[in-house]
N, C-alpha and C. Protein backbone atom coordinates (compact mmCIF):
# COMPACT_ATOMS: atom_id res chain seq x y z
N MET A 1 -7.54 72.07 2.28
CA MET A 1 -6.92 71.53 1.11
C MET A 1 -6.72 70.03 1.26
N THR A 2 -6.87 69.37 0.19
CA THR A 2 -6.61 67.93 0.20
C THR A 2 -5.29 67.68 -0.50
N GLU A 3 -4.45 66.99 0.22
CA GLU A 3 -3.15 66.66 -0.36
C GLU A 3 -3.18 65.22 -0.82
N GLU A 4 -2.71 64.97 -2.01
CA GLU A 4 -2.64 63.62 -2.53
C GLU A 4 -1.25 63.06 -2.28
N ARG A 5 -1.23 61.86 -1.73
CA ARG A 5 0.05 61.17 -1.51
C ARG A 5 0.33 60.25 -2.67
N ASN A 6 1.58 60.14 -2.98
CA ASN A 6 1.99 59.21 -4.02
C ASN A 6 2.07 57.82 -3.39
N ALA A 7 1.24 56.89 -3.84
CA ALA A 7 1.15 55.56 -3.24
C ALA A 7 2.23 54.60 -3.75
N ILE A 8 2.88 54.95 -4.81
CA ILE A 8 3.87 54.04 -5.39
C ILE A 8 5.02 53.74 -4.43
N PRO A 9 5.62 54.71 -3.75
CA PRO A 9 6.69 54.37 -2.80
C PRO A 9 6.20 53.48 -1.65
N LEU A 10 4.98 53.68 -1.20
CA LEU A 10 4.45 52.83 -0.13
C LEU A 10 4.26 51.39 -0.60
N ILE A 11 3.78 51.22 -1.81
CA ILE A 11 3.58 49.87 -2.37
C ILE A 11 4.92 49.19 -2.56
N ILE A 12 5.90 49.91 -3.10
CA ILE A 12 7.23 49.33 -3.32
C ILE A 12 7.87 48.95 -1.98
N THR A 13 7.72 49.79 -0.97
CA THR A 13 8.27 49.50 0.36
C THR A 13 7.62 48.24 0.94
N GLY A 14 6.31 48.11 0.80
CA GLY A 14 5.61 46.94 1.31
C GLY A 14 6.06 45.66 0.62
N ILE A 15 6.17 45.70 -0.69
CA ILE A 15 6.60 44.52 -1.46
C ILE A 15 8.03 44.14 -1.10
N CYS A 16 8.93 45.11 -1.01
CA CYS A 16 10.32 44.83 -0.64
C CYS A 16 10.42 44.28 0.78
N SER A 17 9.59 44.77 1.69
CA SER A 17 9.58 44.25 3.07
C SER A 17 9.16 42.80 3.10
N ILE A 18 8.14 42.46 2.34
CA ILE A 18 7.66 41.07 2.30
C ILE A 18 8.74 40.16 1.69
N ILE A 19 9.33 40.59 0.58
CA ILE A 19 10.38 39.79 -0.07
C ILE A 19 11.58 39.64 0.86
N GLY A 20 11.97 40.70 1.54
CA GLY A 20 13.09 40.62 2.49
C GLY A 20 12.81 39.70 3.66
N THR A 21 11.59 39.75 4.19
CA THR A 21 11.22 38.88 5.30
C THR A 21 11.23 37.42 4.88
N VAL A 22 10.63 37.11 3.74
CA VAL A 22 10.60 35.73 3.24
C VAL A 22 12.02 35.25 2.96
N GLY A 23 12.86 36.10 2.39
CA GLY A 23 14.25 35.73 2.12
C GLY A 23 15.03 35.42 3.39
N CYS A 24 14.86 36.23 4.43
CA CYS A 24 15.54 35.97 5.71
C CYS A 24 15.05 34.68 6.35
N LEU A 25 13.75 34.46 6.35
CA LEU A 25 13.20 33.23 6.94
C LEU A 25 13.70 32.00 6.19
N TRP A 26 13.78 32.08 4.87
CA TRP A 26 14.27 30.95 4.07
C TRP A 26 15.75 30.72 4.33
N TYR A 27 16.54 31.79 4.40
CA TYR A 27 17.98 31.67 4.58
C TYR A 27 18.32 31.00 5.92
N TYR A 28 17.60 31.35 6.98
CA TYR A 28 17.89 30.79 8.30
C TYR A 28 17.15 29.48 8.57
N GLY A 29 16.42 28.96 7.58
CA GLY A 29 15.81 27.64 7.70
C GLY A 29 14.45 27.61 8.36
N TYR A 30 13.84 28.74 8.60
CA TYR A 30 12.51 28.77 9.21
C TYR A 30 11.40 28.60 8.18
N LEU A 31 11.75 28.68 6.91
CA LEU A 31 10.77 28.56 5.83
C LEU A 31 11.29 27.54 4.83
N HIS A 32 10.42 26.59 4.47
CA HIS A 32 10.81 25.55 3.52
C HIS A 32 9.79 25.53 2.40
N PHE A 33 10.26 25.64 1.17
CA PHE A 33 9.38 25.56 0.02
C PHE A 33 9.27 24.09 -0.38
N ALA A 34 8.07 23.54 -0.25
CA ALA A 34 7.86 22.12 -0.53
C ALA A 34 7.93 21.85 -2.02
N THR A 35 8.52 20.73 -2.35
CA THR A 35 8.58 20.27 -3.73
C THR A 35 7.60 19.11 -3.89
N PRO A 36 7.21 18.78 -5.09
CA PRO A 36 6.29 17.65 -5.27
C PRO A 36 6.84 16.34 -4.71
N ALA A 37 8.16 16.18 -4.71
CA ALA A 37 8.75 14.95 -4.16
C ALA A 37 8.55 14.85 -2.65
N ASP A 38 8.40 15.99 -1.96
CA ASP A 38 8.19 15.97 -0.51
C ASP A 38 6.85 15.37 -0.14
N ALA A 39 5.88 15.47 -1.03
CA ALA A 39 4.53 15.01 -0.71
C ALA A 39 4.25 13.60 -1.21
N LEU A 40 5.19 12.99 -1.89
CA LEU A 40 4.96 11.66 -2.43
C LEU A 40 5.08 10.59 -1.36
N LEU A 41 4.28 9.58 -1.48
CA LEU A 41 4.42 8.42 -0.61
C LEU A 41 5.62 7.62 -1.10
N LEU A 42 6.41 7.15 -0.18
CA LEU A 42 7.56 6.36 -0.56
C LEU A 42 7.13 5.09 -1.26
N ASN A 43 6.13 4.42 -0.71
CA ASN A 43 5.58 3.21 -1.29
C ASN A 43 4.38 2.85 -0.44
N GLU A 44 3.57 1.95 -0.92
CA GLU A 44 2.44 1.50 -0.11
C GLU A 44 2.81 0.17 0.50
N PHE A 45 2.52 0.03 1.78
CA PHE A 45 2.88 -1.17 2.50
C PHE A 45 1.62 -1.81 3.08
N THR A 46 1.65 -3.11 3.18
CA THR A 46 0.56 -3.87 3.78
C THR A 46 1.17 -4.83 4.79
N MET A 47 0.53 -4.95 5.93
CA MET A 47 1.02 -5.88 6.94
C MET A 47 0.35 -7.24 6.72
N LEU A 48 1.17 -8.27 6.64
CA LEU A 48 0.65 -9.62 6.54
C LEU A 48 0.57 -10.19 7.95
N LYS A 49 -0.64 -10.50 8.37
CA LYS A 49 -0.83 -11.04 9.71
C LYS A 49 -0.43 -12.51 9.70
N THR A 50 0.42 -12.88 10.62
CA THR A 50 0.86 -14.27 10.71
C THR A 50 -0.02 -15.01 11.71
N VAL A 51 -0.61 -16.07 11.24
CA VAL A 51 -1.48 -16.91 12.06
C VAL A 51 -0.80 -18.27 12.18
N PRO A 52 -0.66 -18.80 13.39
CA PRO A 52 -0.02 -20.11 13.53
C PRO A 52 -0.75 -21.18 12.73
N GLY A 53 0.01 -21.94 11.96
CA GLY A 53 -0.57 -23.02 11.16
C GLY A 53 -0.97 -22.62 9.76
N GLU A 54 -0.99 -21.32 9.45
CA GLU A 54 -1.35 -20.87 8.10
C GLU A 54 -0.10 -20.43 7.36
N ASP A 55 -0.05 -20.76 6.08
CA ASP A 55 1.05 -20.33 5.24
C ASP A 55 0.70 -19.03 4.53
N TYR A 56 1.69 -18.24 4.25
CA TYR A 56 1.49 -17.04 3.46
C TYR A 56 2.63 -16.96 2.46
N LYS A 57 2.37 -16.30 1.34
CA LYS A 57 3.35 -16.23 0.27
C LYS A 57 3.87 -14.81 0.13
N VAL A 58 5.17 -14.71 -0.02
CA VAL A 58 5.81 -13.42 -0.29
C VAL A 58 6.76 -13.61 -1.46
N SER A 59 7.08 -12.53 -2.12
CA SER A 59 7.99 -12.56 -3.25
C SER A 59 9.42 -12.83 -2.78
N LEU A 60 10.17 -13.54 -3.59
CA LEU A 60 11.57 -13.80 -3.27
C LEU A 60 12.44 -12.57 -3.54
N GLU A 61 11.96 -11.68 -4.41
CA GLU A 61 12.71 -10.46 -4.74
C GLU A 61 12.52 -9.45 -3.61
N PRO A 62 13.60 -8.91 -3.05
CA PRO A 62 13.46 -7.97 -1.94
C PRO A 62 12.94 -6.61 -2.42
N ALA A 63 12.35 -5.87 -1.49
CA ALA A 63 11.84 -4.52 -1.79
C ALA A 63 13.00 -3.56 -1.98
N ALA A 64 12.71 -2.43 -2.58
CA ALA A 64 13.75 -1.41 -2.83
C ALA A 64 14.00 -0.57 -1.59
N GLN A 65 13.29 -0.84 -0.51
CA GLN A 65 13.45 -0.07 0.71
C GLN A 65 14.08 -0.95 1.80
N THR A 66 14.86 -0.29 2.66
CA THR A 66 15.37 -0.95 3.84
C THR A 66 14.92 -0.15 5.05
N ALA A 67 14.81 -0.82 6.19
CA ALA A 67 14.33 -0.16 7.40
C ALA A 67 15.40 -0.22 8.48
N GLN A 68 15.40 0.80 9.30
CA GLN A 68 16.33 0.85 10.42
C GLN A 68 15.63 1.52 11.59
N CYS A 69 15.95 1.07 12.78
CA CYS A 69 15.36 1.65 13.98
C CYS A 69 16.23 2.83 14.42
N VAL A 70 15.65 4.02 14.41
CA VAL A 70 16.36 5.23 14.81
C VAL A 70 15.56 5.89 15.92
N ASP A 71 16.14 5.96 17.10
CA ASP A 71 15.49 6.56 18.28
C ASP A 71 14.12 5.96 18.55
N GLY A 72 13.97 4.66 18.35
CA GLY A 72 12.72 3.98 18.65
C GLY A 72 11.65 4.11 17.58
N VAL A 73 11.97 4.68 16.43
CA VAL A 73 11.02 4.87 15.33
C VAL A 73 11.57 4.16 14.10
N LEU A 74 10.70 3.50 13.34
CA LEU A 74 11.12 2.78 12.14
C LEU A 74 11.27 3.75 10.98
N VAL A 75 12.49 3.86 10.47
CA VAL A 75 12.80 4.78 9.37
C VAL A 75 13.11 3.95 8.13
N LEU A 76 12.49 4.33 7.00
CA LEU A 76 12.71 3.63 5.74
C LEU A 76 13.69 4.40 4.87
N PHE A 77 14.58 3.67 4.23
CA PHE A 77 15.54 4.25 3.30
C PHE A 77 15.30 3.61 1.94
N ASP A 78 15.19 4.43 0.90
CA ASP A 78 14.99 3.91 -0.45
C ASP A 78 16.36 3.70 -1.09
N THR A 79 16.58 2.50 -1.63
CA THR A 79 17.87 2.19 -2.24
C THR A 79 17.95 2.62 -3.70
N GLU A 80 16.81 2.93 -4.31
CA GLU A 80 16.81 3.34 -5.72
C GLU A 80 17.00 4.84 -5.87
N GLN A 81 16.39 5.62 -4.98
CA GLN A 81 16.50 7.07 -5.05
C GLN A 81 17.34 7.53 -3.86
N LYS A 82 18.57 7.90 -4.13
CA LYS A 82 19.50 8.27 -3.07
C LYS A 82 18.98 9.49 -2.31
N GLY A 83 19.03 9.42 -1.00
CA GLY A 83 18.62 10.54 -0.17
C GLY A 83 17.15 10.54 0.19
N LEU A 84 16.37 9.60 -0.34
CA LEU A 84 14.95 9.55 -0.03
C LEU A 84 14.74 8.67 1.20
N THR A 85 14.36 9.29 2.30
CA THR A 85 14.09 8.55 3.53
C THR A 85 12.74 9.00 4.07
N GLY A 86 12.18 8.21 4.95
CA GLY A 86 10.91 8.58 5.55
C GLY A 86 10.63 7.73 6.77
N VAL A 87 9.72 8.21 7.58
CA VAL A 87 9.29 7.49 8.77
C VAL A 87 8.03 6.71 8.41
N LEU A 88 7.99 5.45 8.81
CA LEU A 88 6.81 4.62 8.53
C LEU A 88 5.70 5.02 9.49
N VAL A 89 4.54 5.43 8.94
CA VAL A 89 3.40 5.86 9.74
C VAL A 89 2.16 5.08 9.32
N ASN A 90 1.16 5.06 10.19
CA ASN A 90 -0.10 4.42 9.84
C ASN A 90 -1.03 5.45 9.22
N SER A 91 -2.29 5.08 9.02
CA SER A 91 -3.23 5.98 8.36
C SER A 91 -3.56 7.21 9.20
N LYS A 92 -3.27 7.17 10.50
CA LYS A 92 -3.51 8.31 11.39
C LYS A 92 -2.26 9.15 11.60
N LYS A 93 -1.24 8.92 10.78
CA LYS A 93 0.04 9.63 10.84
C LYS A 93 0.77 9.39 12.16
N GLN A 94 0.59 8.21 12.76
CA GLN A 94 1.29 7.83 13.97
C GLN A 94 2.51 7.01 13.57
N ALA A 95 3.67 7.34 14.11
CA ALA A 95 4.90 6.66 13.75
C ALA A 95 4.90 5.23 14.28
N VAL A 96 5.42 4.32 13.47
CA VAL A 96 5.55 2.92 13.87
C VAL A 96 6.80 2.81 14.73
N ARG A 97 6.65 2.28 15.94
CA ARG A 97 7.75 2.15 16.89
C ARG A 97 8.51 0.85 16.66
N CYS A 98 9.76 0.83 17.11
CA CYS A 98 10.61 -0.36 17.00
C CYS A 98 10.70 -1.04 18.36
N MET A 99 10.82 -2.34 18.32
CA MET A 99 11.07 -3.08 19.55
C MET A 99 12.57 -3.30 19.66
N GLY A 100 13.05 -3.40 20.86
CA GLY A 100 14.47 -3.65 21.06
C GLY A 100 15.25 -2.40 21.37
N GLN A 101 14.63 -1.24 21.21
CA GLN A 101 15.28 0.01 21.59
C GLN A 101 14.34 0.77 22.49
N GLU A 102 14.90 1.57 23.35
CA GLU A 102 14.09 2.37 24.25
C GLU A 102 13.40 3.48 23.46
N THR A 103 12.12 3.69 23.75
CA THR A 103 11.39 4.81 23.16
C THR A 103 11.83 6.10 23.84
N PRO A 104 12.14 7.16 23.10
CA PRO A 104 12.58 8.40 23.74
C PRO A 104 11.52 8.92 24.69
N GLN A 105 11.93 9.36 25.84
CA GLN A 105 11.04 9.91 26.86
C GLN A 105 11.30 11.40 27.00
N LEU A 106 10.26 12.14 27.42
CA LEU A 106 10.43 13.57 27.69
C LEU A 106 11.23 13.76 28.95
N LEU A 107 12.20 14.66 28.90
CA LEU A 107 12.97 14.98 30.09
C LEU A 107 12.21 15.98 30.92
N GLN A 108 12.20 15.75 32.22
CA GLN A 108 11.48 16.69 33.10
C GLN A 108 12.42 17.40 34.01
C-alpha cells in the first residue's frame, strides 16, 4: 500500500523554522539588513599633490565633512547628516592611516 503524507505541515514547519532562525540572528545582531544609505558613498575626494614652488587653489568654503584619527585610521564625520560616519578608503578598499598615532598591532 502506498500511504500519502500531507505535505502542508512539513512546509509550514520549514517556513516557520527559517523565519525563527532569521529573527533570532537579527535580534542578537548577527544579521544586518542593509539599507540604501549603507551603500552610498559619503562623498568623492581627490588628493591634491603639493609640489614645492607650485600654487594650487582650493575653495574658501569648508567641506561638510570633518575627519578624526581613531585607532590610527582616518574616520570621516558628516556634519549635515547626523550619525553618518565612515572610514576613508582608497579604490582598493584599504583604510587611510593617520600619522601621529600608533597603528594598532595584533597581540600575540
